[in-house]
Amino acid sequence: MNHKAIYALYPSAVSVDDTAGAMDKNGKKIEIDLDAVAAWVDPNAYKYKRIAEYPPMTDYLDGVVKGDQAQIDKYIADCLAVKAKYPKG
């Protein structure tokens, strides 16, 4: 069960359990649409993908310290390629 999707789709949910389901603040079970939960796409997913693929910042800093403009330019190009690969939702 996608807990993040349930919390996003059902703001009254205060707890989610794979067995018991989603509950509101009064402990009442919330009926959820499993198809809607399965179809939900995290609007921040692109951020997580970008973070995983960005080059290490030390590459940029190393280029700055050495005055190596080619290294700095490569770092920027690599970052822009990741942004293009995973555009904002």
C-alpha atoms as a PDB file:
ATOM      1  CA  MET A   1       0.000   0.000   0.000  1.00  0.00           C
ATOM      2  CA  ASN A   2       1.412   3.400  -0.991  1.00  0.00           C
ATOM      3  CA  HIS A   3       1.192   5.354   2.269  1.00  0.00           C
ATOM      4  CA  LYS A   4       2.502   8.566   0.698  1.00  0.00           C
ATOM      5  CA  ALA A   5      -0.261   8.467  -1.923  1.00  0.00           C
ATOM      6  CA  ILE A   6      -2.933   7.834   0.696  1.00  0.00           C
ATOM      7  CA  TYR A   7      -1.806  10.800   2.795  1.00  0.00           C
ATOM      8  CA  ALA A   8      -1.747  12.985  -0.328  1.00  0.00           C
ATOM      9  CA  LEU A   9      -5.172  11.880  -1.580  1.00  0.00           C
ATOM     10  CA  TYR A  10      -6.894  11.674   1.805  1.00  0.00           C
ATOM     11  CA  PRO A  11      -5.879  14.672   3.947  1.00  0.00           C
ATOM     12  CA  SER A  12      -8.003  13.453   6.867  1.00  0.00           C
ATOM     13  CA  ALA A  13      -5.847  10.324   7.199  1.00  0.00           C
ATOM     14  CA  VAL A  14      -3.629  10.430  10.274  1.00  0.00           C
ATOM     15  CA  SER A  15      -2.425   6.838  10.145  1.00  0.00           C
ATOM     16  CA  VAL A  16      -2.081   4.146   7.524  1.00  0.00           C
ATOM     17  CA  ASP A  17      -1.503   0.472   8.188  1.00  0.00           C
ATOM     18  CA  ASP A  18      -1.102  -2.157   5.497  1.00  0.00           C
ATOM     19  CA  THR A  19      -3.530  -4.441   7.333  1.00  0.00           C
ATOM     20  CA  ALA A  20      -5.954  -2.070   9.072  1.00  0.00           C
ATOM     21  CA  GLY A  21      -6.080   0.549   6.320  1.00  0.00           C
ATOM     22  CA  ALA A  22      -6.274   4.328   6.704  1.00  0.00           C
ATOM     23  CA  MET A  23      -7.698   5.944   9.816  1.00  0.00           C
ATOM     24  CA  ASP A  24      -8.839   9.485  10.589  1.00  0.00           C
ATOM     25  CA  LYS A  25      -8.108  11.384  13.822  1.00  0.00           C
ATOM     26  CA  ASN A  26     -11.096   9.716  15.525  1.00  0.00           C
ATOM     27  CA  GLY A  27      -9.893   6.226  14.671  1.00  0.00           C
ATOM     28  CA  LYS A  28     -12.540   5.744  11.997  1.00  0.00           C
ATOM     29  CA  LYS A  29     -11.559   3.786   8.922  1.00  0.00           C
ATOM     30  CA  ILE A  30     -11.342   5.821   5.729  1.00  0.00           C
ATOM     31  CA  GLU A  31     -12.552   4.097   2.597  1.00  0.00           C
ATOM     32  CA  ILE A  32      -9.848   4.469  -0.019  1.00  0.00           C
ATOM     33  CA  ASP A  33      -9.930   3.998  -3.769  1.00  0.00           C
ATOM     34  CA  LEU A  34      -7.058   1.613  -4.462  1.00  0.00           C
ATOM     35  CA  ASP A  35      -7.099   2.457  -8.169  1.00  0.00           C
ATOM     36  CA  ALA A  36      -6.602   6.153  -7.369  1.00  0.00           C
ATOM     37  CA  VAL A  37      -3.813   5.269  -4.952  1.00  0.00           C
ATOM     38  CA  ALA A  38      -2.117   3.091  -7.571  1.00  0.00           C
ATOM     39  CA  ALA A  39      -2.440   5.827 -10.209  1.00  0.00           C
ATOM     40  CA  TRP A  40      -1.063   8.597  -7.970  1.00  0.00           C
ATOM     41  CA  VAL A  41       2.258  10.051  -9.091  1.00  0.00           C
ATOM     42  CA  ASP A  42       4.462  11.801  -6.553  1.00  0.00           C
ATOM     43  CA  PRO A  43       4.804  15.403  -7.789  1.00  0.00           C
ATOM     44  CA  ASN A  44       8.287  15.516  -6.255  1.00  0.00           C
ATOM     45  CA  ALA A  45       9.577  12.324  -7.876  1.00  0.00           C
ATOM     46  CA  TYR A  46      11.710  14.297 -10.328  1.00  0.00           C
ATOM     47  CA  LYS A  47      13.619  15.805  -7.384  1.00  0.00           C
ATOM     48  CA  TYR A  48      14.608  12.411  -6.006  1.00  0.00           C
ATOM     49  CA  LYS A  49      15.715  11.204  -9.431  1.00  0.00           C
ATOM     50  CA  ARG A  50      17.774  14.341 -10.002  1.00  0.00           C
ATOM     51  CA  ILE A  51      19.486  14.076  -6.620  1.00  0.00           C
ATOM     52  CA  ALA A  52      20.528  10.510  -7.384  1.00  0.00           C
ATOM     53  CA  GLU A  53      22.111  11.475 -10.719  1.00  0.00           C
ATOM     54  CA  TYR A  54      23.658  14.894 -10.155  1.00  0.00           C
ATOM     55  CA  PRO A  55      27.458  14.816 -10.288  1.00  0.00           C
ATOM     56  CA  PRO A  56      29.227  15.361  -6.965  1.00  0.00           C
ATOM     57  CA  MET A  57      29.552  19.034  -6.060  1.00  0.00           C
ATOM     58  CA  THR A  58      33.209  18.401  -5.277  1.00  0.00           C
ATOM     59  CA  ASP A  59      33.797  18.164  -9.039  1.00  0.00           C
ATOM     60  CA  TYR A  60      32.625  21.765  -9.402  1.00  0.00           C
ATOM     61  CA  LEU A  61      34.567  23.018  -6.389  1.00  0.00           C
ATOM     62  CA  ASP A  62      37.717  21.253  -7.549  1.00  0.00           C
ATOM     63  CA  GLY A  63      37.421  23.023 -10.895  1.00  0.00           C
ATOM     64  CA  VAL A  64      36.960  26.389  -9.172  1.00  0.00           C
ATOM     65  CA  VAL A  65      39.976  25.877  -6.915  1.00  0.00           C
ATOM     66  CA  LYS A  66      42.158  24.786  -9.830  1.00  0.00           C
ATOM     67  CA  GLY A  67      40.796  27.508 -12.104  1.00  0.00           C
ATOM     68  CA  ASP A  68      39.852  24.792 -14.606  1.00  0.00           C
ATOM     69  CA  GLN A  69      37.040  26.338 -16.649  1.00  0.00           C
ATOM     70  CA  ALA A  70      36.621  23.166 -18.731  1.00  0.00           C
ATOM     71  CA  GLN A  71      35.925  21.157 -15.560  1.00  0.00           C
ATOM     72  CA  ILE A  72      33.453  23.791 -14.349  1.00  0.00           C
ATOM     73  CA  ASP A  73      31.704  23.836 -17.717  1.00  0.00           C
ATOM     74  CA  LYS A  74      31.488  20.021 -17.743  1.00  0.00           C
ATOM     75  CA  TYR A  75      29.921  20.029 -14.283  1.00  0.00           C
ATOM     76  CA  ILE A  76      27.320  22.586 -15.383  1.00  0.00           C
ATOM     77  CA  ALA A  77      26.600  20.645 -18.583  1.00  0.00           C
ATOM     78  CA  ASP A  78      26.200  17.414 -16.613  1.00  0.00           C
ATOM     79  CA  CYS A  79      23.746  19.118 -14.223  1.00  0.00           C
ATOM     80  CA  LEU A  80      21.742  20.559 -17.114  1.00  0.00           C
ATOM     81  CA  ALA A  81      21.583  17.104 -18.728  1.00  0.00           C
ATOM     82  CA  VAL A  82      20.095  15.669 -15.525  1.00  0.00           C
ATOM     83  CA  LYS A  83      17.554  18.510 -15.384  1.00  0.00           C
ATOM     84  CA  ALA A  84      16.580  17.804 -19.000  1.00  0.00           C
ATOM     85  CA  LYS A  85      16.271  14.067 -18.300  1.00  0.00           C
ATOM     86  CA  TYR A  86      13.973  14.670 -15.312  1.00  0.00           C
ATOM     87  CA  PRO A  87      11.936  17.844 -15.969  1.00  0.00           C
ATOM     88  CA  LYS A  88       9.729  19.348 -13.299  1.00  0.00           C
ATOM     89  CA  GLY A  89       6.397  17.587 -13.136  1.00  0.00           C
END
